[in-house]
Amino acid sequence: MEIVVGLKMNKEQLEQEIKNIFDRNCQEVLVLNKKTFFLRKPYIAVKIANQYDKVNLTIDRLQKISDLFETEDIDFTSRSDESSPGCDSCGYGSAYFSEIKIFNSKVKI
């Protein structure tokens, strides 16, 4: 499964670029090819995980993701902020997850 970004990056490099956009506010990134449930419209799902705190989506970060995927059609308003609590006494292992949907991208998986 190869992702073409300016004919320079593969899937792992793309995931690393997204991690770089989020600096220390991102523990793990996963990029998947999906389709919407009802309309079957294809999109790229960018799943971002962070330990202890919610993923901080700023305008600057969303613009960088938009530039990276060469599209302005991004859905983060319906993103899911799921979490897993981790340890009851100290919170170790807690994690927050967010998904950004990228439509009409020139990047292909």
C-alpha atoms as a PDB file:
ATOM      1  CA  MET A   1       0.000   0.000   0.000  1.00  0.00           C
ATOM      2  CA  GLU A   2       1.890   3.039  -1.285  1.00  0.00           C
ATOM      3  CA  ILE A   3       0.961   6.676  -0.786  1.00  0.00           C
ATOM      4  CA  VAL A   4       2.120   9.111  -3.440  1.00  0.00           C
ATOM      5  CA  VAL A   5       2.861  12.578  -2.104  1.00  0.00           C
ATOM      6  CA  GLY A   6       4.675  14.577  -4.735  1.00  0.00           C
ATOM      7  CA  LEU A   7       6.187  11.225  -5.730  1.00  0.00           C
ATOM      8  CA  LYS A   8       8.473  11.462  -2.683  1.00  0.00           C
ATOM      9  CA  MET A   9       6.880   9.726   0.342  1.00  0.00           C
ATOM     10  CA  ASN A  10       5.549   6.327   1.301  1.00  0.00           C
ATOM     11  CA  LYS A  11       2.927   5.641   3.993  1.00  0.00           C
ATOM     12  CA  GLU A  12       5.419   5.574   6.883  1.00  0.00           C
ATOM     13  CA  GLN A  13       7.034   8.844   5.784  1.00  0.00           C
ATOM     14  CA  LEU A  14       3.603  10.486   5.504  1.00  0.00           C
ATOM     15  CA  GLU A  15       2.709   9.339   9.031  1.00  0.00           C
ATOM     16  CA  GLN A  16       6.030  10.769  10.286  1.00  0.00           C
ATOM     17  CA  GLU A  17       5.291  14.111   8.588  1.00  0.00           C
ATOM     18  CA  ILE A  18       1.951  14.271  10.406  1.00  0.00           C
ATOM     19  CA  LYS A  19       3.688  13.448  13.706  1.00  0.00           C
ATOM     20  CA  ASN A  20       6.087  16.320  13.012  1.00  0.00           C
ATOM     21  CA  ILE A  21       3.131  18.693  12.503  1.00  0.00           C
ATOM     22  CA  PHE A  22       1.829  17.797  15.979  1.00  0.00           C
ATOM     23  CA  ASP A  23       5.233  17.998  17.685  1.00  0.00           C
ATOM     24  CA  ARG A  24       4.976  16.482  21.147  1.00  0.00           C
ATOM     25  CA  ASN A  25       1.159  16.552  21.113  1.00  0.00           C
ATOM     26  CA  CYS A  26       1.013  13.282  19.202  1.00  0.00           C
ATOM     27  CA  GLN A  27       2.089   9.820  20.220  1.00  0.00           C
ATOM     28  CA  GLU A  28       0.920   7.779  17.221  1.00  0.00           C
ATOM     29  CA  VAL A  29      -0.427   8.425  13.704  1.00  0.00           C
ATOM     30  CA  LEU A  30      -2.208   5.984  11.408  1.00  0.00           C
ATOM     31  CA  VAL A  31      -3.292   6.772   7.831  1.00  0.00           C
ATOM     32  CA  LEU A  32      -6.036   4.595   6.314  1.00  0.00           C
ATOM     33  CA  ASN A  33      -8.076   4.509   3.117  1.00  0.00           C
ATOM     34  CA  LYS A  34     -11.832   4.416   3.893  1.00  0.00           C
ATOM     35  CA  LYS A  35     -15.297   5.154   2.511  1.00  0.00           C
ATOM     36  CA  THR A  36     -18.195   6.960   4.172  1.00  0.00           C
ATOM     37  CA  PHE A  37     -20.885   4.585   5.400  1.00  0.00           C
ATOM     38  CA  PHE A  38     -23.928   5.933   3.542  1.00  0.00           C
ATOM     39  CA  LEU A  39     -22.556   7.613   0.424  1.00  0.00           C
ATOM     40  CA  ARG A  40     -19.544   5.319   0.025  1.00  0.00           C
ATOM     41  CA  LYS A  41     -17.491   8.442  -0.690  1.00  0.00           C
ATOM     42  CA  PRO A  42     -13.769   7.614  -0.444  1.00  0.00           C
ATOM     43  CA  TYR A  43     -11.585   9.478   2.021  1.00  0.00           C
ATOM     44  CA  ILE A  44      -8.286   9.164   3.845  1.00  0.00           C
ATOM     45  CA  ALA A  45      -8.622   8.771   7.594  1.00  0.00           C
ATOM     46  CA  VAL A  46      -5.834  10.269   9.668  1.00  0.00           C
ATOM     47  CA  LYS A  47      -6.052   8.750  13.138  1.00  0.00           C
ATOM     48  CA  ILE A  48      -4.023  10.529  15.792  1.00  0.00           C
ATOM     49  CA  ALA A  49      -3.365   9.227  19.301  1.00  0.00           C
ATOM     50  CA  ASN A  50      -1.905  11.088  22.239  1.00  0.00           C
ATOM     51  CA  GLN A  51      -1.133  10.006  25.774  1.00  0.00           C
ATOM     52  CA  TYR A  52      -2.585  11.917  28.773  1.00  0.00           C
ATOM     53  CA  ASP A  53      -4.067  14.882  26.822  1.00  0.00           C
ATOM     54  CA  LYS A  54      -6.483  15.397  23.922  1.00  0.00           C
ATOM     55  CA  VAL A  55      -4.988  15.944  20.488  1.00  0.00           C
ATOM     56  CA  ASN A  56      -4.637  19.693  20.005  1.00  0.00           C
ATOM     57  CA  LEU A  57      -6.050  20.617  16.577  1.00  0.00           C
ATOM     58  CA  THR A  58      -5.070  24.176  15.714  1.00  0.00           C
ATOM     59  CA  ILE A  59      -5.728  26.144  12.532  1.00  0.00           C
ATOM     60  CA  ASP A  60      -2.007  26.073  11.762  1.00  0.00           C
ATOM     61  CA  ARG A  61      -1.842  22.280  12.100  1.00  0.00           C
ATOM     62  CA  LEU A  62      -4.963  21.761   9.995  1.00  0.00           C
ATOM     63  CA  GLN A  63      -3.516  24.038   7.293  1.00  0.00           C
ATOM     64  CA  LYS A  64      -0.301  21.995   7.257  1.00  0.00           C
ATOM     65  CA  ILE A  65      -2.331  18.789   6.897  1.00  0.00           C
ATOM     66  CA  SER A  66      -4.334  20.434   4.123  1.00  0.00           C
ATOM     67  CA  ASP A  67      -1.092  21.364   2.340  1.00  0.00           C
ATOM     68  CA  LEU A  68       0.358  17.889   2.851  1.00  0.00           C
ATOM     69  CA  PHE A  69      -2.683  16.182   1.302  1.00  0.00           C
ATOM     70  CA  GLU A  70      -3.174  18.911  -1.322  1.00  0.00           C
ATOM     71  CA  THR A  71      -6.858  19.477  -0.506  1.00  0.00           C
ATOM     72  CA  GLU A  72      -9.020  21.866   1.493  1.00  0.00           C
ATOM     73  CA  ASP A  73     -11.803  19.285   1.915  1.00  0.00           C
ATOM     74  CA  ILE A  74     -11.109  18.185   5.497  1.00  0.00           C
ATOM     75  CA  ASP A  75     -13.710  17.095   8.048  1.00  0.00           C
ATOM     76  CA  PHE A  76     -12.673  17.514  11.639  1.00  0.00           C
ATOM     77  CA  THR A  77     -15.986  18.803  12.974  1.00  0.00           C
ATOM     78  CA  SER A  78     -17.305  15.261  13.327  1.00  0.00           C
ATOM     79  CA  ARG A  79     -14.025  13.918  14.666  1.00  0.00           C
ATOM     80  CA  SER A  80     -14.295  11.447  17.478  1.00  0.00           C
ATOM     81  CA  ASP A  81     -12.547  12.229  20.722  1.00  0.00           C
ATOM     82  CA  GLU A  82     -12.385   8.766  22.196  1.00  0.00           C
ATOM     83  CA  SER A  83     -10.226   7.906  25.140  1.00  0.00           C
ATOM     84  CA  SER A  84      -9.002   5.012  27.234  1.00  0.00           C
ATOM     85  CA  PRO A  85      -8.549   5.785  30.929  1.00  0.00           C
ATOM     86  CA  GLY A  86      -5.344   3.909  31.763  1.00  0.00           C
ATOM     87  CA  CYS A  87      -4.345   3.229  35.359  1.00  0.00           C
ATOM     88  CA  ASP A  88      -7.010   4.107  37.961  1.00  0.00           C
ATOM     89  CA  SER A  89      -4.549   5.680  40.404  1.00  0.00           C
ATOM     90  CA  CYS A  90      -2.009   7.454  38.184  1.00  0.00           C
ATOM     91  CA  GLY A  91      -3.447   7.605  34.648  1.00  0.00           C
ATOM     92  CA  TYR A  92      -0.453   5.810  33.119  1.00  0.00           C
ATOM     93  CA  GLY A  93      -1.434   4.373  29.761  1.00  0.00           C
ATOM     94  CA  SER A  94      -4.323   6.775  29.214  1.00  0.00           C
ATOM     95  CA  ALA A  95      -4.781   7.830  25.603  1.00  0.00           C
ATOM     96  CA  TYR A  96      -6.949  10.106  23.482  1.00  0.00           C
ATOM     97  CA  PHE A  97      -7.775   9.445  19.845  1.00  0.00           C
ATOM     98  CA  SER A  98      -8.981  11.780  17.082  1.00  0.00           C
ATOM     99  CA  GLU A  99      -9.765  11.134  13.435  1.00  0.00           C
ATOM    100  CA  ILE A 100      -9.556  13.673  10.635  1.00  0.00           C
ATOM    101  CA  LYS A 101     -11.247  12.798   7.345  1.00  0.00           C
ATOM    102  CA  ILE A 102      -9.487  13.974   4.180  1.00  0.00           C
ATOM    103  CA  PHE A 103     -11.622  14.120   1.018  1.00  0.00           C
ATOM    104  CA  ASN A 104     -10.599  14.777  -2.596  1.00  0.00           C
ATOM    105  CA  SER A 105      -6.907  14.446  -1.839  1.00  0.00           C
ATOM    106  CA  LYS A 106      -4.308  14.320  -4.573  1.00  0.00           C
ATOM    107  CA  VAL A 107      -2.515  11.863  -2.299  1.00  0.00           C
ATOM    108  CA  LYS A 108      -3.505   8.295  -3.146  1.00  0.00           C
ATOM    109  CA  ILE A 109      -3.134   5.261  -0.905  1.00  0.00           C
END
